N, C-alpha and C. Protein backbone atom coordinates (compact mmCIF):
# COMPACT_ATOMS: atom_id res chain seq x y z
N UNK A 1 23.16 7.97 -7.02
CA UNK A 1 22.54 7.81 -5.73
C UNK A 1 23.51 7.02 -4.83
N UNK A 2 23.66 7.48 -3.61
CA UNK A 2 24.58 6.81 -2.69
C UNK A 2 23.97 5.52 -2.16
N UNK A 3 24.83 4.65 -1.67
CA UNK A 3 24.36 3.39 -1.07
C UNK A 3 23.44 3.68 0.10
N UNK A 4 23.81 4.66 0.94
CA UNK A 4 22.98 4.99 2.10
C UNK A 4 21.59 5.46 1.67
N UNK A 5 21.53 6.33 0.66
CA UNK A 5 20.25 6.83 0.18
C UNK A 5 19.42 5.69 -0.43
N UNK A 6 20.06 4.81 -1.17
CA UNK A 6 19.36 3.66 -1.75
C UNK A 6 18.78 2.78 -0.66
N UNK A 7 19.58 2.52 0.38
CA UNK A 7 19.11 1.68 1.48
C UNK A 7 17.96 2.35 2.23
N UNK A 8 18.04 3.65 2.42
CA UNK A 8 16.97 4.38 3.10
C UNK A 8 15.69 4.36 2.27
N UNK A 9 15.83 4.54 0.97
CA UNK A 9 14.65 4.51 0.09
C UNK A 9 14.03 3.12 0.09
N UNK A 10 14.85 2.08 0.03
CA UNK A 10 14.32 0.71 0.07
C UNK A 10 13.63 0.44 1.39
N UNK A 11 14.19 0.94 2.49
CA UNK A 11 13.56 0.77 3.79
C UNK A 11 12.22 1.48 3.87
N UNK A 12 12.15 2.68 3.28
CA UNK A 12 10.89 3.42 3.27
C UNK A 12 9.83 2.67 2.48
N UNK A 13 10.21 2.16 1.32
CA UNK A 13 9.25 1.42 0.49
C UNK A 13 8.81 0.14 1.19
N UNK A 14 9.73 -0.54 1.85
CA UNK A 14 9.36 -1.75 2.60
C UNK A 14 8.41 -1.39 3.74
N UNK A 15 8.67 -0.26 4.41
CA UNK A 15 7.78 0.19 5.48
C UNK A 15 6.38 0.48 5.00
N UNK A 16 6.28 1.10 3.83
CA UNK A 16 4.96 1.37 3.23
C UNK A 16 4.22 0.06 2.99
N UNK A 17 4.91 -0.91 2.39
CA UNK A 17 4.27 -2.18 2.06
C UNK A 17 3.86 -2.96 3.30
N UNK A 18 4.74 -3.01 4.30
CA UNK A 18 4.41 -3.74 5.53
C UNK A 18 3.25 -3.06 6.25
N UNK A 19 3.31 -1.74 6.36
CA UNK A 19 2.22 -1.01 7.01
C UNK A 19 0.90 -1.19 6.28
N UNK A 20 0.96 -1.19 4.96
CA UNK A 20 -0.25 -1.39 4.15
C UNK A 20 -0.82 -2.79 4.38
N UNK A 21 0.05 -3.79 4.38
CA UNK A 21 -0.41 -5.17 4.59
C UNK A 21 -0.99 -5.35 5.99
N UNK A 22 -0.38 -4.71 6.98
CA UNK A 22 -0.92 -4.81 8.34
C UNK A 22 -2.28 -4.11 8.46
N UNK A 23 -2.43 -2.99 7.78
CA UNK A 23 -3.65 -2.22 7.87
C UNK A 23 -4.76 -2.63 6.93
N UNK A 24 -4.42 -3.43 5.92
CA UNK A 24 -5.40 -3.80 4.90
C UNK A 24 -6.71 -4.35 5.48
N UNK A 25 -6.69 -5.27 6.46
CA UNK A 25 -7.96 -5.82 6.95
C UNK A 25 -8.81 -4.81 7.72
N UNK A 26 -8.22 -3.71 8.16
CA UNK A 26 -8.98 -2.72 8.93
C UNK A 26 -9.31 -1.47 8.13
N UNK A 27 -8.82 -1.41 6.89
CA UNK A 27 -9.09 -0.24 6.05
C UNK A 27 -10.59 -0.05 5.90
N UNK A 28 -11.03 1.18 5.97
CA UNK A 28 -12.43 1.59 5.82
C UNK A 28 -13.27 1.36 7.08
N UNK A 29 -12.72 0.75 8.12
CA UNK A 29 -13.50 0.40 9.30
C UNK A 29 -13.34 1.43 10.41
N UNK A 30 -14.36 1.57 11.23
CA UNK A 30 -14.25 2.37 12.44
C UNK A 30 -13.52 1.55 13.49
N UNK A 31 -13.05 2.20 14.53
CA UNK A 31 -12.38 1.45 15.60
C UNK A 31 -13.35 0.46 16.25
N UNK A 32 -14.62 0.81 16.32
CA UNK A 32 -15.61 -0.11 16.89
C UNK A 32 -15.76 -1.36 16.00
N UNK A 33 -15.75 -1.18 14.70
CA UNK A 33 -15.84 -2.33 13.79
C UNK A 33 -14.59 -3.21 13.91
N UNK A 34 -13.43 -2.59 13.99
CA UNK A 34 -12.18 -3.35 14.14
C UNK A 34 -12.26 -4.19 15.41
N UNK A 35 -12.67 -3.58 16.50
CA UNK A 35 -12.78 -4.30 17.78
C UNK A 35 -13.78 -5.45 17.68
N UNK A 36 -14.91 -5.21 17.05
CA UNK A 36 -15.94 -6.24 16.94
C UNK A 36 -15.50 -7.41 16.05
N UNK A 37 -14.84 -7.10 14.95
CA UNK A 37 -14.46 -8.15 14.00
C UNK A 37 -13.18 -8.87 14.38
N UNK A 38 -12.20 -8.13 14.92
CA UNK A 38 -10.87 -8.70 15.11
C UNK A 38 -10.37 -8.67 16.54
N UNK A 39 -10.96 -7.84 17.38
CA UNK A 39 -10.35 -7.61 18.68
C UNK A 39 -9.13 -6.73 18.47
N UNK A 40 -7.98 -7.25 18.81
CA UNK A 40 -6.73 -6.49 18.65
C UNK A 40 -5.93 -7.10 17.50
N UNK A 41 -5.52 -6.29 16.55
CA UNK A 41 -4.73 -6.76 15.41
C UNK A 41 -3.25 -6.63 15.77
N UNK A 42 -2.54 -7.74 15.80
CA UNK A 42 -1.13 -7.73 16.18
C UNK A 42 -0.23 -8.37 15.14
N UNK A 43 -0.77 -8.64 13.97
CA UNK A 43 0.02 -9.25 12.92
C UNK A 43 -0.77 -9.27 11.62
N UNK A 44 -0.22 -9.97 10.66
CA UNK A 44 -0.89 -10.09 9.36
C UNK A 44 -2.06 -11.04 9.48
N UNK A 45 -3.24 -10.55 9.16
CA UNK A 45 -4.44 -11.36 9.25
C UNK A 45 -5.26 -11.22 7.96
N UNK A 46 -6.09 -12.21 7.72
CA UNK A 46 -7.01 -12.16 6.58
C UNK A 46 -8.17 -11.22 6.94
N UNK A 47 -8.70 -10.54 5.96
CA UNK A 47 -9.85 -9.68 6.22
C UNK A 47 -11.10 -10.49 6.59
N UNK A 48 -11.95 -9.87 7.35
CA UNK A 48 -13.24 -10.44 7.73
C UNK A 48 -14.03 -10.76 6.45
N UNK A 49 -14.85 -11.80 6.45
CA UNK A 49 -15.63 -12.15 5.24
C UNK A 49 -16.52 -11.03 4.71
N UNK A 50 -16.92 -10.09 5.56
CA UNK A 50 -17.77 -8.98 5.12
C UNK A 50 -16.98 -7.73 4.74
N UNK A 51 -15.67 -7.80 4.80
CA UNK A 51 -14.81 -6.64 4.48
C UNK A 51 -14.69 -6.49 2.96
N UNK A 52 -14.56 -5.24 2.46
CA UNK A 52 -14.38 -5.05 1.01
C UNK A 52 -13.18 -5.80 0.42
N UNK A 53 -12.15 -6.05 1.22
CA UNK A 53 -10.97 -6.77 0.74
C UNK A 53 -11.04 -8.27 1.07
N UNK A 54 -12.22 -8.79 1.30
CA UNK A 54 -12.34 -10.17 1.78
C UNK A 54 -11.70 -11.22 0.87
N UNK A 55 -11.45 -10.90 -0.36
CA UNK A 55 -10.82 -11.88 -1.28
C UNK A 55 -9.29 -11.89 -1.17
N UNK A 56 -8.72 -10.91 -0.48
CA UNK A 56 -7.26 -10.82 -0.36
C UNK A 56 -6.77 -11.69 0.80
N UNK A 57 -5.69 -12.43 0.58
CA UNK A 57 -5.12 -13.20 1.69
C UNK A 57 -4.37 -12.30 2.67
N UNK A 58 -4.14 -12.81 3.86
CA UNK A 58 -3.36 -12.08 4.86
C UNK A 58 -2.02 -11.67 4.25
N UNK A 59 -1.58 -10.48 4.55
CA UNK A 59 -0.30 -9.99 4.05
C UNK A 59 -0.35 -9.30 2.71
N UNK A 60 -1.53 -9.18 2.13
CA UNK A 60 -1.66 -8.51 0.83
C UNK A 60 -1.54 -7.00 0.98
N UNK A 61 -1.01 -6.37 -0.05
CA UNK A 61 -0.97 -4.92 -0.09
C UNK A 61 -2.12 -4.41 -0.95
N UNK A 62 -2.38 -3.11 -0.85
CA UNK A 62 -3.49 -2.50 -1.58
C UNK A 62 -2.95 -1.48 -2.58
N UNK A 63 -3.86 -0.70 -3.10
CA UNK A 63 -3.48 0.35 -4.03
C UNK A 63 -2.53 1.37 -3.39
N UNK A 64 -2.53 1.48 -2.07
CA UNK A 64 -1.62 2.42 -1.41
C UNK A 64 -0.17 2.09 -1.76
N UNK A 65 0.19 0.82 -1.66
CA UNK A 65 1.55 0.40 -2.00
C UNK A 65 1.80 0.52 -3.50
N UNK A 66 0.84 0.09 -4.29
CA UNK A 66 0.98 0.19 -5.75
C UNK A 66 1.26 1.62 -6.17
N UNK A 67 0.50 2.57 -5.62
CA UNK A 67 0.66 3.97 -6.02
C UNK A 67 1.98 4.54 -5.53
N UNK A 68 2.41 4.13 -4.34
CA UNK A 68 3.71 4.57 -3.84
C UNK A 68 4.83 4.09 -4.76
N UNK A 69 4.75 2.84 -5.20
CA UNK A 69 5.77 2.31 -6.11
C UNK A 69 5.73 3.01 -7.47
N UNK A 70 4.54 3.33 -7.95
CA UNK A 70 4.44 4.09 -9.21
C UNK A 70 5.11 5.46 -9.08
N UNK A 71 4.85 6.14 -7.96
CA UNK A 71 5.49 7.43 -7.74
C UNK A 71 7.01 7.30 -7.68
N UNK A 72 7.50 6.28 -7.00
CA UNK A 72 8.94 6.05 -6.91
C UNK A 72 9.54 5.80 -8.29
N UNK A 73 8.86 5.02 -9.10
CA UNK A 73 9.33 4.75 -10.45
C UNK A 73 9.41 6.03 -11.28
N UNK A 74 8.38 6.88 -11.16
CA UNK A 74 8.40 8.14 -11.89
C UNK A 74 9.55 9.04 -11.43
N UNK A 75 9.76 9.10 -10.13
CA UNK A 75 10.87 9.92 -9.62
C UNK A 75 12.22 9.41 -10.11
N UNK A 76 12.38 8.09 -10.10
CA UNK A 76 13.65 7.53 -10.57
C UNK A 76 13.84 7.76 -12.08
N UNK A 77 12.76 7.60 -12.82
CA UNK A 77 12.85 7.73 -14.27
C UNK A 77 12.97 9.18 -14.72
N UNK A 78 12.12 10.06 -14.16
CA UNK A 78 12.03 11.44 -14.66
C UNK A 78 12.65 12.47 -13.73
N UNK A 79 12.90 12.09 -12.49
CA UNK A 79 13.44 13.04 -11.53
C UNK A 79 12.41 13.98 -10.94
N UNK A 80 11.18 13.83 -11.32
CA UNK A 80 10.08 14.67 -10.82
C UNK A 80 8.75 13.98 -11.15
N UNK A 81 7.69 14.54 -10.59
CA UNK A 81 6.34 14.03 -10.86
C UNK A 81 5.60 15.09 -11.66
N UNK A 82 5.23 14.75 -12.88
CA UNK A 82 4.41 15.64 -13.71
C UNK A 82 2.97 15.16 -13.62
N UNK A 83 2.06 16.09 -13.46
CA UNK A 83 0.65 15.74 -13.27
C UNK A 83 0.12 14.85 -14.40
N UNK A 84 0.38 15.21 -15.63
CA UNK A 84 -0.13 14.44 -16.76
C UNK A 84 0.47 13.03 -16.79
N UNK A 85 1.75 12.92 -16.49
CA UNK A 85 2.40 11.60 -16.47
C UNK A 85 1.84 10.75 -15.34
N UNK A 86 1.64 11.37 -14.17
CA UNK A 86 1.07 10.65 -13.02
C UNK A 86 -0.34 10.16 -13.37
N UNK A 87 -1.14 11.01 -13.98
CA UNK A 87 -2.50 10.61 -14.36
C UNK A 87 -2.46 9.46 -15.37
N UNK A 88 -1.54 9.52 -16.31
CA UNK A 88 -1.38 8.45 -17.30
C UNK A 88 -1.01 7.13 -16.62
N UNK A 89 -0.09 7.20 -15.66
CA UNK A 89 0.32 6.00 -14.93
C UNK A 89 -0.84 5.41 -14.14
N UNK A 90 -1.63 6.27 -13.51
CA UNK A 90 -2.79 5.79 -12.74
C UNK A 90 -3.82 5.13 -13.65
N UNK A 91 -4.04 5.70 -14.82
CA UNK A 91 -4.99 5.11 -15.76
C UNK A 91 -4.48 3.74 -16.23
N UNK A 92 -3.19 3.63 -16.53
CA UNK A 92 -2.63 2.34 -16.92
C UNK A 92 -2.74 1.33 -15.79
N UNK A 93 -2.45 1.78 -14.57
CA UNK A 93 -2.54 0.90 -13.40
C UNK A 93 -3.97 0.38 -13.23
N UNK A 94 -4.95 1.25 -13.45
CA UNK A 94 -6.35 0.86 -13.25
C UNK A 94 -6.80 -0.24 -14.20
N UNK A 95 -6.06 -0.46 -15.27
CA UNK A 95 -6.41 -1.51 -16.24
C UNK A 95 -5.79 -2.86 -15.89
N UNK A 96 -4.98 -2.89 -14.84
CA UNK A 96 -4.30 -4.14 -14.46
C UNK A 96 -4.95 -4.77 -13.25
């Protein structure tokens, strides 16, 4: 893998994690709920006390980032994604 490709892949993974952390407090909410609870979200914030992620601190990532990293690991290790292997990884992840 070239240095440029490695840097681009790392940037993509960082983008996934940052976007996930920014969106975590608003996940599952309608735009009206976001407006009522937070107003305008312009940075990393803790979820509202009534949000499903209320136990996560500001800046936390969710399963979206975890699953993206699992897929990246499978691609690096195997060069492809096999359905059975992906399912096995998800089952192992669910136990952690």
